[in-house]
Amino acid sequence: MPNDEIKFSWQARAKSFAYAWSGIRSLLRTEHNARIHLVVTIVAIASGILCNLSRLEYLVLIITISLVWITEIFNTCIEKTMDFISHEKHPQIKLIKDLAAAAVLIMAVVAVIVGCLLFVPKLFLK
């Protein structure tokens, strides 16, 4: 039956949230970098509270944190997919995994820059 013919169900929606939380738990349980992202997320949010960020500054912080997490999740999906396709060393699979990791690195660097722009003036330039 095509998706557009399936009736809406609150139970099905609840299950989709359960699957998403299961994915987050798996990410945190299996990916070391995700645990680092979690610690940095907590520190950044606490720092935002302590530095009394404005609503706009908090919006920038939340969007930046979200983009780091989304990039890490996509990177993990790509890596797991490539590992599922082949456990053998293959130059194309290595390239795909390296590119996905590069996306996380770029987003992490951007997050550090955003963090510096938000927090350095409030912590060191008063």
C-alpha atoms as a PDB file:
ATOM      1  CA  MET A   1       0.000   0.000   0.000  1.00  0.00           C
ATOM      2  CA  PRO A   2       1.506   3.398  -0.968  1.00  0.00           C
ATOM      3  CA  ASN A   3       2.316   5.814   1.878  1.00  0.00           C
ATOM      4  CA  ASP A   4      -0.375   8.305   0.842  1.00  0.00           C
ATOM      5  CA  GLU A   5      -3.046   5.629   1.412  1.00  0.00           C
ATOM      6  CA  ILE A   6      -1.924   4.807   4.980  1.00  0.00           C
ATOM      7  CA  LYS A   7      -4.155   6.455   7.571  1.00  0.00           C
ATOM      8  CA  PHE A   8      -2.643   8.800  10.160  1.00  0.00           C
ATOM      9  CA  SER A   9      -1.967   7.143  13.500  1.00  0.00           C
ATOM     10  CA  TRP A  10      -0.794   8.709  16.759  1.00  0.00           C
ATOM     11  CA  GLN A  11       0.609   5.311  17.720  1.00  0.00           C
ATOM     12  CA  ALA A  12       2.722   5.200  14.557  1.00  0.00           C
ATOM     13  CA  ARG A  13       3.948   8.763  15.227  1.00  0.00           C
ATOM     14  CA  ALA A  14       4.909   7.775  18.786  1.00  0.00           C
ATOM     15  CA  LYS A  15       6.821   4.783  17.414  1.00  0.00           C
ATOM     16  CA  SER A  16       8.745   7.054  15.037  1.00  0.00           C
ATOM     17  CA  PHE A  17       9.880   9.147  18.027  1.00  0.00           C
ATOM     18  CA  ALA A  18      10.895   5.957  19.838  1.00  0.00           C
ATOM     19  CA  TYR A  19      12.980   4.916  16.825  1.00  0.00           C
ATOM     20  CA  ALA A  20      14.659   8.326  16.744  1.00  0.00           C
ATOM     21  CA  TRP A  21      15.536   8.150  20.458  1.00  0.00           C
ATOM     22  CA  SER A  22      16.874   4.652  19.892  1.00  0.00           C
ATOM     23  CA  GLY A  23      19.136   6.082  17.185  1.00  0.00           C
ATOM     24  CA  ILE A  24      20.392   8.805  19.520  1.00  0.00           C
ATOM     25  CA  ARG A  25      21.100   6.236  22.252  1.00  0.00           C
ATOM     26  CA  SER A  26      22.969   4.045  19.750  1.00  0.00           C
ATOM     27  CA  LEU A  27      24.959   7.031  18.526  1.00  0.00           C
ATOM     28  CA  LEU A  28      26.035   7.953  22.058  1.00  0.00           C
ATOM     29  CA  ARG A  29      26.770   4.339  22.969  1.00  0.00           C
ATOM     30  CA  THR A  30      28.876   3.523  19.905  1.00  0.00           C
ATOM     31  CA  GLU A  31      30.454   6.756  18.681  1.00  0.00           C
ATOM     32  CA  HIS A  32      33.224   8.307  20.773  1.00  0.00           C
ATOM     33  CA  ASN A  33      32.998  11.644  18.962  1.00  0.00           C
ATOM     34  CA  ALA A  34      29.289  11.868  19.778  1.00  0.00           C
ATOM     35  CA  ARG A  35      30.160  11.710  23.470  1.00  0.00           C
ATOM     36  CA  ILE A  36      32.621  14.561  22.967  1.00  0.00           C
ATOM     37  CA  HIS A  37      29.889  16.510  21.151  1.00  0.00           C
ATOM     38  CA  LEU A  38      27.549  15.875  24.104  1.00  0.00           C
ATOM     39  CA  VAL A  39      30.042  17.245  26.629  1.00  0.00           C
ATOM     40  CA  VAL A  40      30.783  20.283  24.466  1.00  0.00           C
ATOM     41  CA  THR A  41      27.032  20.828  23.961  1.00  0.00           C
ATOM     42  CA  ILE A  42      26.438  20.848  27.714  1.00  0.00           C
ATOM     43  CA  VAL A  43      29.388  23.193  28.302  1.00  0.00           C
ATOM     44  CA  ALA A  44      28.232  25.541  25.520  1.00  0.00           C
ATOM     45  CA  ILE A  45      24.662  25.724  26.811  1.00  0.00           C
ATOM     46  CA  ALA A  46      25.832  26.246  30.399  1.00  0.00           C
ATOM     47  CA  SER A  47      28.262  28.920  29.201  1.00  0.00           C
ATOM     48  CA  GLY A  48      25.439  30.610  27.350  1.00  0.00           C
ATOM     49  CA  ILE A  49      23.415  30.742  30.554  1.00  0.00           C
ATOM     50  CA  LEU A  50      26.379  32.038  32.577  1.00  0.00           C
ATOM     51  CA  CYS A  51      27.249  34.655  29.960  1.00  0.00           C
ATOM     52  CA  ASN A  52      23.629  35.760  29.691  1.00  0.00           C
ATOM     53  CA  LEU A  53      23.481  35.390  25.908  1.00  0.00           C
ATOM     54  CA  SER A  54      20.800  37.359  24.096  1.00  0.00           C
ATOM     55  CA  ARG A  55      17.972  35.535  22.335  1.00  0.00           C
ATOM     56  CA  LEU A  56      19.684  36.048  18.987  1.00  0.00           C
ATOM     57  CA  GLU A  57      23.021  34.793  20.345  1.00  0.00           C
ATOM     58  CA  TYR A  58      21.273  31.753  21.809  1.00  0.00           C
ATOM     59  CA  LEU A  59      19.580  31.130  18.472  1.00  0.00           C
ATOM     60  CA  VAL A  60      22.969  31.150  16.726  1.00  0.00           C
ATOM     61  CA  LEU A  61      24.371  28.815  19.406  1.00  0.00           C
ATOM     62  CA  ILE A  62      21.465  26.359  19.122  1.00  0.00           C
ATOM     63  CA  ILE A  63      21.590  26.300  15.320  1.00  0.00           C
ATOM     64  CA  THR A  64      25.353  25.743  15.399  1.00  0.00           C
ATOM     65  CA  ILE A  65      25.086  22.930  17.957  1.00  0.00           C
ATOM     66  CA  SER A  66      22.298  21.333  15.920  1.00  0.00           C
ATOM     67  CA  LEU A  67      24.357  21.461  12.735  1.00  0.00           C
ATOM     68  CA  VAL A  68      27.293  19.758  14.458  1.00  0.00           C
ATOM     69  CA  TRP A  69      25.002  16.967  15.692  1.00  0.00           C
ATOM     70  CA  ILE A  70      23.271  16.563  12.322  1.00  0.00           C
ATOM     71  CA  THR A  71      26.619  16.409  10.531  1.00  0.00           C
ATOM     72  CA  GLU A  72      27.916  13.807  13.003  1.00  0.00           C
ATOM     73  CA  ILE A  73      24.777  11.702  12.571  1.00  0.00           C
ATOM     74  CA  PHE A  74      25.025  11.800   8.772  1.00  0.00           C
ATOM     75  CA  ASN A  75      28.730  10.952   8.981  1.00  0.00           C
ATOM     76  CA  THR A  76      27.937   7.953  11.165  1.00  0.00           C
ATOM     77  CA  CYS A  77      25.192   6.839   8.766  1.00  0.00           C
ATOM     78  CA  ILE A  78      27.554   7.069   5.818  1.00  0.00           C
ATOM     79  CA  GLU A  79      30.310   5.181   7.646  1.00  0.00           C
ATOM     80  CA  LYS A  80      27.919   2.418   8.783  1.00  0.00           C
ATOM     81  CA  THR A  81      26.477   2.132   5.266  1.00  0.00           C
ATOM     82  CA  MET A  82      29.930   1.834   3.717  1.00  0.00           C
ATOM     83  CA  ASP A  83      30.919  -0.787   6.303  1.00  0.00           C
ATOM     84  CA  PHE A  84      27.715  -2.685   5.505  1.00  0.00           C
ATOM     85  CA  ILE A  85      28.466  -2.601   1.786  1.00  0.00           C
ATOM     86  CA  SER A  86      32.010  -3.900   2.196  1.00  0.00           C
ATOM     87  CA  HIS A  87      34.448  -4.663   4.992  1.00  0.00           C
ATOM     88  CA  GLU A  88      37.277  -4.830   2.475  1.00  0.00           C
ATOM     89  CA  LYS A  89      39.588  -1.878   1.904  1.00  0.00           C
ATOM     90  CA  HIS A  90      38.434  -0.027  -1.168  1.00  0.00           C
ATOM     91  CA  PRO A  91      39.724   3.383  -2.336  1.00  0.00           C
ATOM     92  CA  GLN A  92      36.233   4.673  -3.233  1.00  0.00           C
ATOM     93  CA  ILE A  93      34.784   3.662   0.142  1.00  0.00           C
ATOM     94  CA  LYS A  94      37.753   5.296   1.874  1.00  0.00           C
ATOM     95  CA  LEU A  95      37.128   8.489  -0.110  1.00  0.00           C
ATOM     96  CA  ILE A  96      33.422   8.493   0.774  1.00  0.00           C
ATOM     97  CA  LYS A  97      34.167   7.988   4.483  1.00  0.00           C
ATOM     98  CA  ASP A  98      36.924  10.622   4.430  1.00  0.00           C
ATOM     99  CA  LEU A  99      34.589  13.153   2.806  1.00  0.00           C
ATOM    100  CA  ALA A 100      31.907  12.502   5.417  1.00  0.00           C
ATOM    101  CA  ALA A 101      34.484  12.938   8.183  1.00  0.00           C
ATOM    102  CA  ALA A 102      35.683  16.152   6.513  1.00  0.00           C
ATOM    103  CA  ALA A 103      32.133  17.539   6.728  1.00  0.00           C
ATOM    104  CA  VAL A 104      32.136  16.964  10.488  1.00  0.00           C
ATOM    105  CA  LEU A 105      35.566  18.557  10.816  1.00  0.00           C
ATOM    106  CA  ILE A 106      34.487  21.644   8.871  1.00  0.00           C
ATOM    107  CA  MET A 107      31.324  21.992  10.951  1.00  0.00           C
ATOM    108  CA  ALA A 108      33.301  21.557  14.181  1.00  0.00           C
ATOM    109  CA  VAL A 109      35.738  24.304  13.111  1.00  0.00           C
ATOM    110  CA  VAL A 110      32.804  26.575  12.276  1.00  0.00           C
ATOM    111  CA  ALA A 111      31.294  25.787  15.691  1.00  0.00           C
ATOM    112  CA  VAL A 112      34.552  26.759  17.423  1.00  0.00           C
ATOM    113  CA  ILE A 113      34.614  30.038  15.475  1.00  0.00           C
ATOM    114  CA  VAL A 114      30.984  30.746  16.410  1.00  0.00           C
ATOM    115  CA  GLY A 115      31.778  29.876  20.037  1.00  0.00           C
ATOM    116  CA  CYS A 116      34.709  32.286  20.039  1.00  0.00           C
ATOM    117  CA  LEU A 117      32.588  35.048  18.523  1.00  0.00           C
ATOM    118  CA  LEU A 118      29.884  34.497  21.137  1.00  0.00           C
ATOM    119  CA  PHE A 119      31.942  33.867  24.270  1.00  0.00           C
ATOM    120  CA  VAL A 120      35.302  35.654  23.965  1.00  0.00           C
ATOM    121  CA  PRO A 121      33.790  39.153  24.128  1.00  0.00           C
ATOM    122  CA  LYS A 122      31.663  38.203  27.135  1.00  0.00           C
ATOM    123  CA  LEU A 123      34.401  36.365  29.033  1.00  0.00           C
ATOM    124  CA  PHE A 124      37.586  38.245  28.186  1.00  0.00           C
ATOM    125  CA  LEU A 125      36.740  41.629  26.694  1.00  0.00           C
ATOM    126  CA  LYS A 126      34.529  43.125  29.408  1.00  0.00           C
END
